């Protein structure tokens, strides 16, 4: 089962005629329901809760966030990022890596 956060104010949810309990803003669902609930505003409680396809799911989520970020940039900002010298681009990616490590659960080592 995968734990998901319910949208604010939601106290119940039904899927396929079956009521699913929301307790303290969270719901436990089987992996095949994750995308369906995401479409209704639910979010994963913890990336570690993804199960056997965790890495591909995390990569997909990161790519979606990166795309949203890039789409929100102005043309000049986007052009500036895409034309960074390789050493500056590496600094940007290293800063992202440092933030990811900083936010990792305690004791969990990230892979390089």
PDB file of N, CA and C in Angstrom:
ATOM      1  N   UNK A   1       0.831  -1.186   0.000  1.00  0.00           N
ATOM      2  CA  UNK A   1       0.000   0.000   0.000  1.00  0.00           C
ATOM      3  C   UNK A   1       0.876   1.250   0.000  1.00  0.00           C
ATOM      4  N   UNK A   2       0.356   2.301  -0.610  1.00  0.00           N
ATOM      5  CA  UNK A   2       1.081   3.561  -0.721  1.00  0.00           C
ATOM      6  C   UNK A   2       0.293   4.650  -0.003  1.00  0.00           C
ATOM      7  N   UNK A   3       0.995   5.442   0.782  1.00  0.00           N
ATOM      8  CA  UNK A   3       0.379   6.529   1.526  1.00  0.00           C
ATOM      9  C   UNK A   3       0.386   7.791   0.676  1.00  0.00           C
ATOM     10  N   UNK A   4      -0.783   8.438   0.603  1.00  0.00           N
ATOM     11  CA  UNK A   4      -0.909   9.679  -0.158  1.00  0.00           C
ATOM     12  C   UNK A   4      -1.556  10.740   0.715  1.00  0.00           C
ATOM     13  N   UNK A   5      -1.190  12.005   0.445  1.00  0.00           N
ATOM     14  CA  UNK A   5      -1.802  13.146   1.134  1.00  0.00           C
ATOM     15  C   UNK A   5      -3.043  13.561   0.369  1.00  0.00           C
ATOM     16  N   UNK A   6      -4.124  13.754   1.116  1.00  0.00           N
ATOM     17  CA  UNK A   6      -5.373  14.201   0.508  1.00  0.00           C
ATOM     18  C   UNK A   6      -5.336  15.716   0.304  1.00  0.00           C
ATOM     19  N   UNK A   7      -6.053  16.213  -0.690  1.00  0.00           N
ATOM     20  CA  UNK A   7      -6.154  17.667  -0.853  1.00  0.00           C
ATOM     21  C   UNK A   7      -6.768  18.282   0.405  1.00  0.00           C
ATOM     22  N   UNK A   8      -6.393  19.511   0.733  1.00  0.00           N
ATOM     23  CA  UNK A   8      -6.923  20.160   1.937  1.00  0.00           C
ATOM     24  C   UNK A   8      -8.453  20.163   1.959  1.00  0.00           C
ATOM     25  N   UNK A   9      -9.013  19.829   3.110  1.00  0.00           N
ATOM     26  CA  UNK A   9     -10.461  19.858   3.303  1.00  0.00           C
ATOM     27  C   UNK A   9     -11.188  18.603   2.876  1.00  0.00           C
ATOM     28  N   UNK A  10     -10.524  17.687   2.190  1.00  0.00           N
ATOM     29  CA  UNK A  10     -11.170  16.462   1.729  1.00  0.00           C
ATOM     30  C   UNK A  10     -11.228  15.458   2.874  1.00  0.00           C
ATOM     31  N   UNK A  11     -12.415  14.932   3.145  1.00  0.00           N
ATOM     32  CA  UNK A  11     -12.572  13.995   4.264  1.00  0.00           C
ATOM     33  C   UNK A  11     -12.947  12.588   3.812  1.00  0.00           C
ATOM     34  N   UNK A  12     -13.251  12.425   2.548  1.00  0.00           N
ATOM     35  CA  UNK A  12     -13.599  11.108   2.040  1.00  0.00           C
ATOM     36  C   UNK A  12     -13.375  11.045   0.541  1.00  0.00           C
ATOM     37  N   UNK A  13     -13.252   9.822   0.017  1.00  0.00           N
ATOM     38  CA  UNK A  13     -13.042   9.628  -1.412  1.00  0.00           C
ATOM     39  C   UNK A  13     -13.607   8.272  -1.788  1.00  0.00           C
ATOM     40  N   UNK A  14     -14.212   8.196  -2.940  1.00  0.00           N
ATOM     41  CA  UNK A  14     -14.773   6.943  -3.423  1.00  0.00           C
ATOM     42  C   UNK A  14     -14.176   6.627  -4.784  1.00  0.00           C
ATOM     43  N   UNK A  15     -13.798   5.376  -4.980  1.00  0.00           N
ATOM     44  CA  UNK A  15     -13.267   4.946  -6.271  1.00  0.00           C
ATOM     45  C   UNK A  15     -13.940   3.639  -6.650  1.00  0.00           C
ATOM     46  N   UNK A  16     -14.564   3.613  -7.806  1.00  0.00           N
ATOM     47  CA  UNK A  16     -15.249   2.410  -8.259  1.00  0.00           C
ATOM     48  C   UNK A  16     -16.355   1.969  -7.315  1.00  0.00           C
ATOM     49  N   UNK A  17     -16.993   2.929  -6.672  1.00  0.00           N
ATOM     50  CA  UNK A  17     -18.082   2.619  -5.746  1.00  0.00           C
ATOM     51  C   UNK A  17     -17.623   2.169  -4.375  1.00  0.00           C
ATOM     52  N   UNK A  18     -16.310   2.201  -4.137  1.00  0.00           N
ATOM     53  CA  UNK A  18     -15.776   1.787  -2.837  1.00  0.00           C
ATOM     54  C   UNK A  18     -15.257   3.015  -2.108  1.00  0.00           C
ATOM     55  N   UNK A  19     -15.754   3.223  -0.890  1.00  0.00           N
ATOM     56  CA  UNK A  19     -15.311   4.357  -0.075  1.00  0.00           C
ATOM     57  C   UNK A  19     -13.920   4.061   0.481  1.00  0.00           C
ATOM     58  N   UNK A  20     -13.020   5.041   0.338  1.00  0.00           N
ATOM     59  CA  UNK A  20     -11.662   4.918   0.867  1.00  0.00           C
ATOM     60  C   UNK A  20     -11.514   5.899   2.021  1.00  0.00           C
ATOM     61  N   UNK A  21     -11.015   5.414   3.141  1.00  0.00           N
ATOM     62  CA  UNK A  21     -10.908   6.249   4.335  1.00  0.00           C
ATOM     63  C   UNK A  21      -9.738   7.213   4.248  1.00  0.00           C
ATOM     64  N   UNK A  22     -10.004   8.454   4.617  1.00  0.00           N
ATOM     65  CA  UNK A  22      -8.951   9.467   4.743  1.00  0.00           C
ATOM     66  C   UNK A  22      -8.815   9.741   6.234  1.00  0.00           C
ATOM     67  N   UNK A  23      -7.634   9.472   6.758  1.00  0.00           N
ATOM     68  CA  UNK A  23      -7.373   9.665   8.172  1.00  0.00           C
ATOM     69  C   UNK A  23      -6.239  10.653   8.354  1.00  0.00           C
ATOM     70  N   UNK A  24      -6.491  11.723   9.112  1.00  0.00           N
ATOM     71  CA  UNK A  24      -5.495  12.772   9.354  1.00  0.00           C
ATOM     72  C   UNK A  24      -4.881  13.283   8.046  1.00  0.00           C
ATOM     73  N   UNK A  25      -5.729  13.415   7.024  1.00  0.00           N
ATOM     74  CA  UNK A  25      -5.277  13.977   5.761  1.00  0.00           C
ATOM     75  C   UNK A  25      -4.533  13.011   4.860  1.00  0.00           C
ATOM     76  N   UNK A  26      -4.534  11.722   5.203  1.00  0.00           N
ATOM     77  CA  UNK A  26      -3.805  10.724   4.411  1.00  0.00           C
ATOM     78  C   UNK A  26      -4.718   9.550   4.047  1.00  0.00           C
ATOM     79  N   UNK A  27      -4.351   8.901   2.974  1.00  0.00           N
ATOM     80  CA  UNK A  27      -5.101   7.742   2.501  1.00  0.00           C
ATOM     81  C   UNK A  27      -4.103   6.668   2.074  1.00  0.00           C
ATOM     82  N   UNK A  28      -4.430   5.424   2.306  1.00  0.00           N
ATOM     83  CA  UNK A  28      -3.590   4.294   1.896  1.00  0.00           C
ATOM     84  C   UNK A  28      -4.249   3.636   0.687  1.00  0.00           C
ATOM     85  N   UNK A  29      -3.497   3.524  -0.422  1.00  0.00           N
ATOM     86  CA  UNK A  29      -4.058   2.945  -1.643  1.00  0.00           C
ATOM     87  C   UNK A  29      -3.086   1.945  -2.263  1.00  0.00           C
ATOM     88  N   UNK A  30      -3.616   1.104  -3.123  1.00  0.00           N
ATOM     89  CA  UNK A  30      -2.761   0.177  -3.855  1.00  0.00           C
ATOM     90  C   UNK A  30      -2.048   0.957  -4.965  1.00  0.00           C
ATOM     91  N   UNK A  31      -0.875   0.481  -5.403  1.00  0.00           N
ATOM     92  CA  UNK A  31      -0.079   1.207  -6.401  1.00  0.00           C
ATOM     93  C   UNK A  31      -0.835   1.551  -7.683  1.00  0.00           C
ATOM     94  N   UNK A  32      -1.755   0.710  -8.111  1.00  0.00           N
ATOM     95  CA  UNK A  32      -2.464   0.985  -9.364  1.00  0.00           C
ATOM     96  C   UNK A  32      -3.430   2.175  -9.264  1.00  0.00           C
ATOM     97  N   UNK A  33      -3.728   2.641  -8.056  1.00  0.00           N
ATOM     98  CA  UNK A  33      -4.615   3.797  -7.889  1.00  0.00           C
ATOM     99  C   UNK A  33      -3.878   5.129  -7.769  1.00  0.00           C
ATOM    100  N   UNK A  34      -2.554   5.104  -7.687  1.00  0.00           N
ATOM    101  CA  UNK A  34      -1.773   6.326  -7.463  1.00  0.00           C
ATOM    102  C   UNK A  34      -2.057   7.380  -8.528  1.00  0.00           C
ATOM    103  N   UNK A  35      -1.974   7.029  -9.791  1.00  0.00           N
ATOM    104  CA  UNK A  35      -2.181   8.016 -10.858  1.00  0.00           C
ATOM    105  C   UNK A  35      -3.615   8.537 -10.861  1.00  0.00           C
ATOM    106  N   UNK A  36      -4.563   7.680 -10.587  1.00  0.00           N
ATOM    107  CA  UNK A  36      -5.967   8.101 -10.523  1.00  0.00           C
ATOM    108  C   UNK A  36      -6.166   9.144  -9.427  1.00  0.00           C
ATOM    109  N   UNK A  37      -5.600   8.903  -8.249  1.00  0.00           N
ATOM    110  CA  UNK A  37      -5.745   9.855  -7.154  1.00  0.00           C
ATOM    111  C   UNK A  37      -4.965  11.137  -7.405  1.00  0.00           C
ATOM    112  N   UNK A  38      -3.824  11.029  -8.072  1.00  0.00           N
ATOM    113  CA  UNK A  38      -3.076  12.244  -8.438  1.00  0.00           C
ATOM    114  C   UNK A  38      -3.933  13.158  -9.300  1.00  0.00           C
ATOM    115  N   UNK A  39      -4.707  12.564 -10.195  1.00  0.00           N
ATOM    116  CA  UNK A  39      -5.585  13.349 -11.065  1.00  0.00           C
ATOM    117  C   UNK A  39      -6.641  14.102 -10.264  1.00  0.00           C
ATOM    118  N   UNK A  40      -6.886  13.653  -9.030  1.00  0.00           N
ATOM    119  CA  UNK A  40      -7.864  14.300  -8.151  1.00  0.00           C
ATOM    120  C   UNK A  40      -7.202  15.165  -7.086  1.00  0.00           C
ATOM    121  N   UNK A  41      -5.913  15.439  -7.246  1.00  0.00           N
ATOM    122  CA  UNK A  41      -5.236  16.349  -6.336  1.00  0.00           C
ATOM    123  C   UNK A  41      -4.495  15.725  -5.180  1.00  0.00           C
ATOM    124  N   UNK A  42      -4.457  14.406  -5.101  1.00  0.00           N
ATOM    125  CA  UNK A  42      -3.701  13.733  -4.050  1.00  0.00           C
ATOM    126  C   UNK A  42      -2.211  13.774  -4.404  1.00  0.00           C
ATOM    127  N   UNK A  43      -1.358  13.670  -3.388  1.00  0.00           N
ATOM    128  CA  UNK A  43       0.089  13.669  -3.602  1.00  0.00           C
ATOM    129  C   UNK A  43       0.708  12.548  -2.775  1.00  0.00           C
ATOM    130  N   UNK A  44       1.838  12.034  -3.241  1.00  0.00           N
ATOM    131  CA  UNK A  44       2.527  10.994  -2.482  1.00  0.00           C
ATOM    132  C   UNK A  44       3.003  11.561  -1.155  1.00  0.00           C
ATOM    133  N   UNK A  45       2.836  10.795  -0.093  1.00  0.00           N
ATOM    134  CA  UNK A  45       3.283  11.228   1.230  1.00  0.00           C
ATOM    135  C   UNK A  45       4.785  11.185   1.336  1.00  0.00           C
ATOM    136  N   UNK A  46       5.380  10.178   0.733  1.00  0.00           N
ATOM    137  CA  UNK A  46       6.816   9.994   0.841  1.00  0.00           C
ATOM    138  C   UNK A  46       7.326   9.310  -0.415  1.00  0.00           C
ATOM    139  N   UNK A  47       8.375   9.849  -1.038  1.00  0.00           N
ATOM    140  CA  UNK A  47       8.931   9.186  -2.213  1.00  0.00           C
ATOM    141  C   UNK A  47       9.361   7.751  -1.920  1.00  0.00           C
ATOM    142  N   UNK A  48       9.755   7.460  -0.692  1.00  0.00           N
ATOM    143  CA  UNK A  48      10.192   6.117  -0.340  1.00  0.00           C
ATOM    144  C   UNK A  48       9.035   5.128  -0.361  1.00  0.00           C
ATOM    145  N   UNK A  49       7.806   5.642  -0.377  1.00  0.00           N
ATOM    146  CA  UNK A  49       6.639   4.779  -0.343  1.00  0.00           C
ATOM    147  C   UNK A  49       6.242   4.259  -1.721  1.00  0.00           C
ATOM    148  N   UNK A  50       7.060   4.465  -2.716  1.00  0.00           N
ATOM    149  CA  UNK A  50       6.685   4.129  -4.079  1.00  0.00           C
ATOM    150  C   UNK A  50       6.798   2.655  -4.443  1.00  0.00           C
ATOM    151  N   UNK A  51       7.541   1.894  -3.706  1.00  0.00           N
ATOM    152  CA  UNK A  51       7.642   0.480  -4.005  1.00  0.00           C
ATOM    153  C   UNK A  51       8.669   0.152  -5.062  1.00  0.00           C
ATOM    154  N   UNK A  52       8.417  -0.907  -5.839  1.00  0.00           N
ATOM    155  CA  UNK A  52       9.432  -1.453  -6.735  1.00  0.00           C
ATOM    156  C   UNK A  52       9.797  -0.549  -7.909  1.00  0.00           C
ATOM    157  N   UNK A  53       8.926   0.348  -8.323  1.00  0.00           N
ATOM    158  CA  UNK A  53       9.241   1.251  -9.426  1.00  0.00           C
ATOM    159  C   UNK A  53       9.657   2.628  -8.928  1.00  0.00           C
ATOM    160  N   UNK A  54      10.222   2.677  -7.722  1.00  0.00           N
ATOM    161  CA  UNK A  54      10.522   3.948  -7.074  1.00  0.00           C
ATOM    162  C   UNK A  54      11.424   4.843  -7.924  1.00  0.00           C
ATOM    163  N   UNK A  55      12.504   4.319  -8.450  1.00  0.00           N
ATOM    164  CA  UNK A  55      13.443   5.171  -9.180  1.00  0.00           C
ATOM    165  C   UNK A  55      12.808   5.784 -10.420  1.00  0.00           C
ATOM    166  N   UNK A  56      12.104   4.994 -11.208  1.00  0.00           N
ATOM    167  CA  UNK A  56      11.492   5.546 -12.420  1.00  0.00           C
ATOM    168  C   UNK A  56      10.411   6.558 -12.057  1.00  0.00           C
ATOM    169  N   UNK A  57       9.669   6.320 -10.993  1.00  0.00           N
ATOM    170  CA  UNK A  57       8.652   7.267 -10.557  1.00  0.00           C
ATOM    171  C   UNK A  57       9.291   8.566 -10.066  1.00  0.00           C
ATOM    172  N   UNK A  58      10.374   8.458  -9.310  1.00  0.00           N
ATOM    173  CA  UNK A  58      11.067   9.651  -8.831  1.00  0.00           C
ATOM    174  C   UNK A  58      11.653  10.447  -9.990  1.00  0.00           C
ATOM    175  N   UNK A  59      12.213   9.763 -10.974  1.00  0.00           N
ATOM    176  CA  UNK A  59      12.752  10.452 -12.157  1.00  0.00           C
ATOM    177  C   UNK A  59      11.647  11.173 -12.925  1.00  0.00           C
ATOM    178  N   UNK A  60      10.510  10.524 -13.069  1.00  0.00           N
ATOM    179  CA  UNK A  60       9.382  11.144 -13.761  1.00  0.00           C
ATOM    180  C   UNK A  60       8.914  12.397 -13.018  1.00  0.00           C
ATOM    181  N   UNK A  61       8.796  12.286 -11.678  1.00  0.00           N
ATOM    182  CA  UNK A  61       8.354  13.437 -10.891  1.00  0.00           C
ATOM    183  C   UNK A  61       9.352  14.581 -10.983  1.00  0.00           C
ATOM    184  N   UNK A  62      10.650  14.264 -10.916  1.00  0.00           N
ATOM    185  CA  UNK A  62      11.671  15.308 -11.008  1.00  0.00           C
ATOM    186  C   UNK A  62      11.624  15.975 -12.380  1.00  0.00           C
ATOM    187  N   UNK A  63      11.493  15.178 -13.433  1.00  0.00           N
ATOM    188  CA  UNK A  63      11.442  15.723 -14.786  1.00  0.00           C
ATOM    189  C   UNK A  63      10.216  16.629 -14.965  1.00  0.00           C
ATOM    190  N   UNK A  64       9.075  16.243 -14.393  1.00  0.00           N
ATOM    191  CA  UNK A  64       7.882  17.081 -14.469  1.00  0.00           C
ATOM    192  C   UNK A  64       8.100  18.408 -13.749  1.00  0.00           C
ATOM    193  N   UNK A  65       8.716  18.355 -12.557  1.00  0.00           N
ATOM    194  CA  UNK A  65       8.988  19.584 -11.806  1.00  0.00           C
ATOM    195  C   UNK A  65       9.975  20.473 -12.558  1.00  0.00           C
ATOM    196  N   UNK A  66      11.007  19.867 -13.128  1.00  0.00           N
ATOM    197  CA  UNK A  66      12.001  20.639 -13.878  1.00  0.00           C
ATOM    198  C   UNK A  66      11.357  21.289 -15.100  1.00  0.00           C
ATOM    199  N   UNK A  67      10.487  20.556 -15.770  1.00  0.00           N
ATOM    200  CA  UNK A  67       9.803  21.109 -16.941  1.00  0.00           C
ATOM    201  C   UNK A  67       8.916  22.280 -16.534  1.00  0.00           C
ATOM    202  N   UNK A  68       8.158  22.119 -15.441  1.00  0.00           N
ATOM    203  CA  UNK A  68       7.298  23.209 -14.965  1.00  0.00           C
ATOM    204  C   UNK A  68       8.126  24.440 -14.628  1.00  0.00           C
ATOM    205  N   UNK A  69       9.278  24.231 -13.986  1.00  0.00           N
ATOM    206  CA  UNK A  69      10.168  25.332 -13.652  1.00  0.00           C
ATOM    207  C   UNK A  69      10.645  26.034 -14.919  1.00  0.00           C
ATOM    208  N   UNK A  70      11.103  25.248 -15.879  1.00  0.00           N
ATOM    209  CA  UNK A  70      11.627  25.821 -17.128  1.00  0.00           C
ATOM    210  C   UNK A  70      10.536  26.562 -17.890  1.00  0.00           C
ATOM    211  N   UNK A  71       9.313  26.024 -17.906  1.00  0.00           N
ATOM    212  CA  UNK A  71       8.214  26.675 -18.613  1.00  0.00           C
ATOM    213  C   UNK A  71       7.837  28.007 -17.972  1.00  0.00           C
ATOM    214  N   UNK A  72       8.096  28.158 -16.669  1.00  0.00           N
ATOM    215  CA  UNK A  72       7.775  29.395 -15.960  1.00  0.00           C
ATOM    216  C   UNK A  72       8.837  30.478 -16.166  1.00  0.00           C
ATOM    217  N   UNK A  73       9.997  30.107 -16.713  1.00  0.00           N
ATOM    218  CA  UNK A  73      11.065  31.082 -16.951  1.00  0.00           C
ATOM    219  C   UNK A  73      10.717  31.980 -18.128  1.00  0.00           C
ATOM    220  N   UNK A  74      11.203  33.215 -18.056  1.00  0.00           N
ATOM    221  CA  UNK A  74      11.075  34.114 -19.193  1.00  0.00           C
ATOM    222  C   UNK A  74      12.048  33.674 -20.285  1.00  0.00           C
ATOM    223  N   UNK A  75      11.852  34.183 -21.485  1.00  0.00           N
ATOM    224  CA  UNK A  75      12.719  33.799 -22.604  1.00  0.00           C
ATOM    225  C   UNK A  75      14.191  34.097 -22.316  1.00  0.00           C
ATOM    226  N   UNK A  76      14.472  35.260 -21.745  1.00  0.00           N
ATOM    227  CA  UNK A  76      15.862  35.615 -21.444  1.00  0.00           C
ATOM    228  C   UNK A  76      16.466  34.683 -20.392  1.00  0.00           C
ATOM    229  N   UNK A  77      15.660  34.354 -19.365  1.00  0.00           N
ATOM    230  CA  UNK A  77      16.160  33.442 -18.327  1.00  0.00           C
ATOM    231  C   UNK A  77      16.427  32.056 -18.904  1.00  0.00           C
ATOM    232  N   UNK A  78      15.508  31.575 -19.705  1.00  0.00           N
ATOM    233  CA  UNK A  78      15.668  30.252 -20.309  1.00  0.00           C
ATOM    234  C   UNK A  78      16.882  30.217 -21.231  1.00  0.00           C
ATOM    235  N   UNK A  79      17.021  31.245 -22.037  1.00  0.00           N
ATOM    236  CA  UNK A  79      18.179  31.334 -22.935  1.00  0.00           C
ATOM    237  C   UNK A  79      19.473  31.350 -22.119  1.00  0.00           C
ATOM    238  N   UNK A  80      19.472  32.097 -21.021  1.00  0.00           N
ATOM    239  CA  UNK A  80      20.653  32.173 -20.162  1.00  0.00           C
ATOM    240  C   UNK A  80      21.041  30.817 -19.587  1.00  0.00           C
ATOM    241  N   UNK A  81      20.041  30.058 -19.117  1.00  0.00           N
ATOM    242  CA  UNK A  81      20.346  28.734 -18.561  1.00  0.00           C
ATOM    243  C   UNK A  81      20.840  27.769 -19.629  1.00  0.00           C
ATOM    244  N   UNK A  82      20.245  27.845 -20.810  1.00  0.00           N
ATOM    245  CA  UNK A  82      20.636  26.892 -21.861  1.00  0.00           C
ATOM    246  C   UNK A  82      21.987  27.209 -22.475  1.00  0.00           C
ATOM    247  N   UNK A  83      22.481  28.420 -22.261  1.00  0.00           N
ATOM    248  CA  UNK A  83      23.775  28.783 -22.847  1.00  0.00           C
ATOM    249  C   UNK A  83      24.895  28.875 -21.807  1.00  0.00           C
ATOM    250  N   UNK A  84      24.621  28.373 -20.596  1.00  0.00           N
ATOM    251  CA  UNK A  84      25.671  28.376 -19.564  1.00  0.00           C
ATOM    252  C   UNK A  84      26.878  27.573 -20.016  1.00  0.00           C
ATOM    253  N   UNK A  85      28.047  28.055 -19.649  1.00  0.00           N
ATOM    254  CA  UNK A  85      29.271  27.288 -19.891  1.00  0.00           C
ATOM    255  C   UNK A  85      29.186  25.991 -19.074  1.00  0.00           C
ATOM    256  N   UNK A  86      29.805  24.909 -19.568  1.00  0.00           N
ATOM    257  CA  UNK A  86      29.710  23.622 -18.873  1.00  0.00           C
ATOM    258  C   UNK A  86      30.063  23.686 -17.381  1.00  0.00           C
ATOM    259  N   UNK A  87      31.080  24.455 -17.003  1.00  0.00           N
ATOM    260  CA  UNK A  87      31.456  24.509 -15.584  1.00  0.00           C
ATOM    261  C   UNK A  87      30.374  25.220 -14.749  1.00  0.00           C
ATOM    262  N   UNK A  88      29.703  26.214 -15.309  1.00  0.00           N
ATOM    263  CA  UNK A  88      28.619  26.880 -14.592  1.00  0.00           C
ATOM    264  C   UNK A  88      27.395  25.975 -14.505  1.00  0.00           C
ATOM    265  N   UNK A  89      27.108  25.255 -15.583  1.00  0.00           N
ATOM    266  CA  UNK A  89      25.995  24.309 -15.581  1.00  0.00           C
ATOM    267  C   UNK A  89      26.230  23.241 -14.519  1.00  0.00           C
ATOM    268  N   UNK A  90      27.476  22.779 -14.401  1.00  0.00           N
ATOM    269  CA  UNK A  90      27.821  21.787 -13.383  1.00  0.00           C
ATOM    270  C   UNK A  90      27.587  22.343 -11.982  1.00  0.00           C
ATOM    271  N   UNK A  91      27.866  23.637 -11.773  1.00  0.00           N
ATOM    272  CA  UNK A  91      27.611  24.259 -10.465  1.00  0.00           C
ATOM    273  C   UNK A  91      26.119  24.271 -10.146  1.00  0.00           C
ATOM    274  N   UNK A  92      25.301  24.532 -11.161  1.00  0.00           N
ATOM    275  CA  UNK A  92      23.852  24.504 -10.965  1.00  0.00           C
ATOM    276  C   UNK A  92      23.410  23.107 -10.541  1.00  0.00           C
ATOM    277  N   UNK A  93      23.881  22.086 -11.255  1.00  0.00           N
ATOM    278  CA  UNK A  93      23.484  20.714 -10.931  1.00  0.00           C
ATOM    279  C   UNK A  93      24.024  20.277  -9.573  1.00  0.00           C
ATOM    280  N   UNK A  94      25.215  20.725  -9.221  1.00  0.00           N
ATOM    281  CA  UNK A  94      25.770  20.401  -7.902  1.00  0.00           C
ATOM    282  C   UNK A  94      24.960  21.056  -6.794  1.00  0.00           C
ATOM    283  N   UNK A  95      24.453  22.255  -7.047  1.00  0.00           N
ATOM    284  CA  UNK A  95      23.604  22.923  -6.054  1.00  0.00           C
ATOM    285  C   UNK A  95      22.302  22.143  -5.865  1.00  0.00           C
ATOM    286  N   UNK A  96      21.732  21.638  -6.953  1.00  0.00           N
ATOM    287  CA  UNK A  96      20.519  20.814  -6.868  1.00  0.00           C
ATOM    288  C   UNK A  96      20.820  19.539  -6.084  1.00  0.00           C
ATOM    289  N   UNK A  97      21.946  18.901  -6.386  1.00  0.00           N
ATOM    290  CA  UNK A  97      22.339  17.682  -5.686  1.00  0.00           C
ATOM    291  C   UNK A  97      22.495  17.949  -4.179  1.00  0.00           C
ATOM    292  N   UNK A  98      23.130  19.072  -3.809  1.00  0.00           N
ATOM    293  CA  UNK A  98      23.326  19.416  -2.399  1.00  0.00           C
ATOM    294  C   UNK A  98      21.981  19.620  -1.702  1.00  0.00           C
ATOM    295  N   UNK A  99      21.043  20.286  -2.376  1.00  0.00           N
ATOM    296  CA  UNK A  99      19.713  20.472  -1.796  1.00  0.00           C
ATOM    297  C   UNK A  99      18.991  19.138  -1.619  1.00  0.00           C
ATOM    298  N   UNK A 100      19.153  18.240  -2.592  1.00  0.00           N
ATOM    299  CA  UNK A 100      18.520  16.926  -2.496  1.00  0.00           C
ATOM    300  C   UNK A 100      19.081  16.144  -1.310  1.00  0.00           C
ATOM    301  N   UNK A 101      20.393  16.195  -1.133  1.00  0.00           N
ATOM    302  CA  UNK A 101      21.006  15.498   0.004  1.00  0.00           C
ATOM    303  C   UNK A 101      20.552  16.093   1.325  1.00  0.00           C
ATOM    304  N   UNK A 102      20.451  17.423   1.354  1.00  0.00           N
ATOM    305  CA  UNK A 102      20.032  18.131   2.559  1.00  0.00           C
ATOM    306  C   UNK A 102      18.610  17.724   2.968  1.00  0.00           C
ATOM    307  N   UNK A 103      17.753  17.458   1.993  1.00  0.00           N
ATOM    308  CA  UNK A 103      16.360  17.135   2.300  1.00  0.00           C
ATOM    309  C   UNK A 103      16.097  15.643   2.410  1.00  0.00           C
ATOM    310  N   UNK A 104      17.120  14.803   2.176  1.00  0.00           N
ATOM    311  CA  UNK A 104      16.946  13.355   2.304  1.00  0.00           C
ATOM    312  C   UNK A 104      16.692  12.996   3.754  1.00  0.00           C
ATOM    313  N   UNK A 105      15.865  11.947   3.992  1.00  0.00           N
ATOM    314  CA  UNK A 105      15.652  11.515   5.368  1.00  0.00           C
ATOM    315  C   UNK A 105      16.969  11.180   6.049  1.00  0.00           C
ATOM    316  N   UNK A 106      17.060  11.449   7.330  1.00  0.00           N
ATOM    317  CA  UNK A 106      18.290  11.205   8.086  1.00  0.00           C
ATOM    318  C   UNK A 106      18.732   9.757   7.960  1.00  0.00           C
ATOM    319  N   UNK A 107      20.015   9.587   7.752  1.00  0.00           N
ATOM    320  CA  UNK A 107      20.582   8.247   7.667  1.00  0.00           C
ATOM    321  C   UNK A 107      20.468   7.600   6.311  1.00  0.00           C
ATOM    322  N   UNK A 108      19.715   8.217   5.396  1.00  0.00           N
ATOM    323  CA  UNK A 108      19.537   7.630   4.065  1.00  0.00           C
ATOM    324  C   UNK A 108      20.594   8.209   3.134  1.00  0.00           C
ATOM    325  N   UNK A 109      21.385   7.370   2.529  1.00  0.00           N
ATOM    326  CA  UNK A 109      22.440   7.815   1.602  1.00  0.00           C
ATOM    327  C   UNK A 109      21.861   7.879   0.204  1.00  0.00           C
ATOM    328  N   UNK A 110      22.150   8.982  -0.507  1.00  0.00           N
ATOM    329  CA  UNK A 110      21.713   9.076  -1.889  1.00  0.00           C
ATOM    330  C   UNK A 110      22.797   8.514  -2.798  1.00  0.00           C
ATOM    331  N   UNK A 111      22.359   7.974  -3.941  1.00  0.00           N
ATOM    332  CA  UNK A 111      23.314   7.397  -4.902  1.00  0.00           C
ATOM    333  C   UNK A 111      23.783   8.479  -5.859  1.00  0.00           C
ATOM    334  N   UNK A 112      25.037   8.399  -6.270  1.00  0.00           N
ATOM    335  CA  UNK A 112      25.568   9.327  -7.277  1.00  0.00           C
ATOM    336  C   UNK A 112      25.669   8.623  -8.598  1.00  0.00           C
TER     337      UNK A 112
END
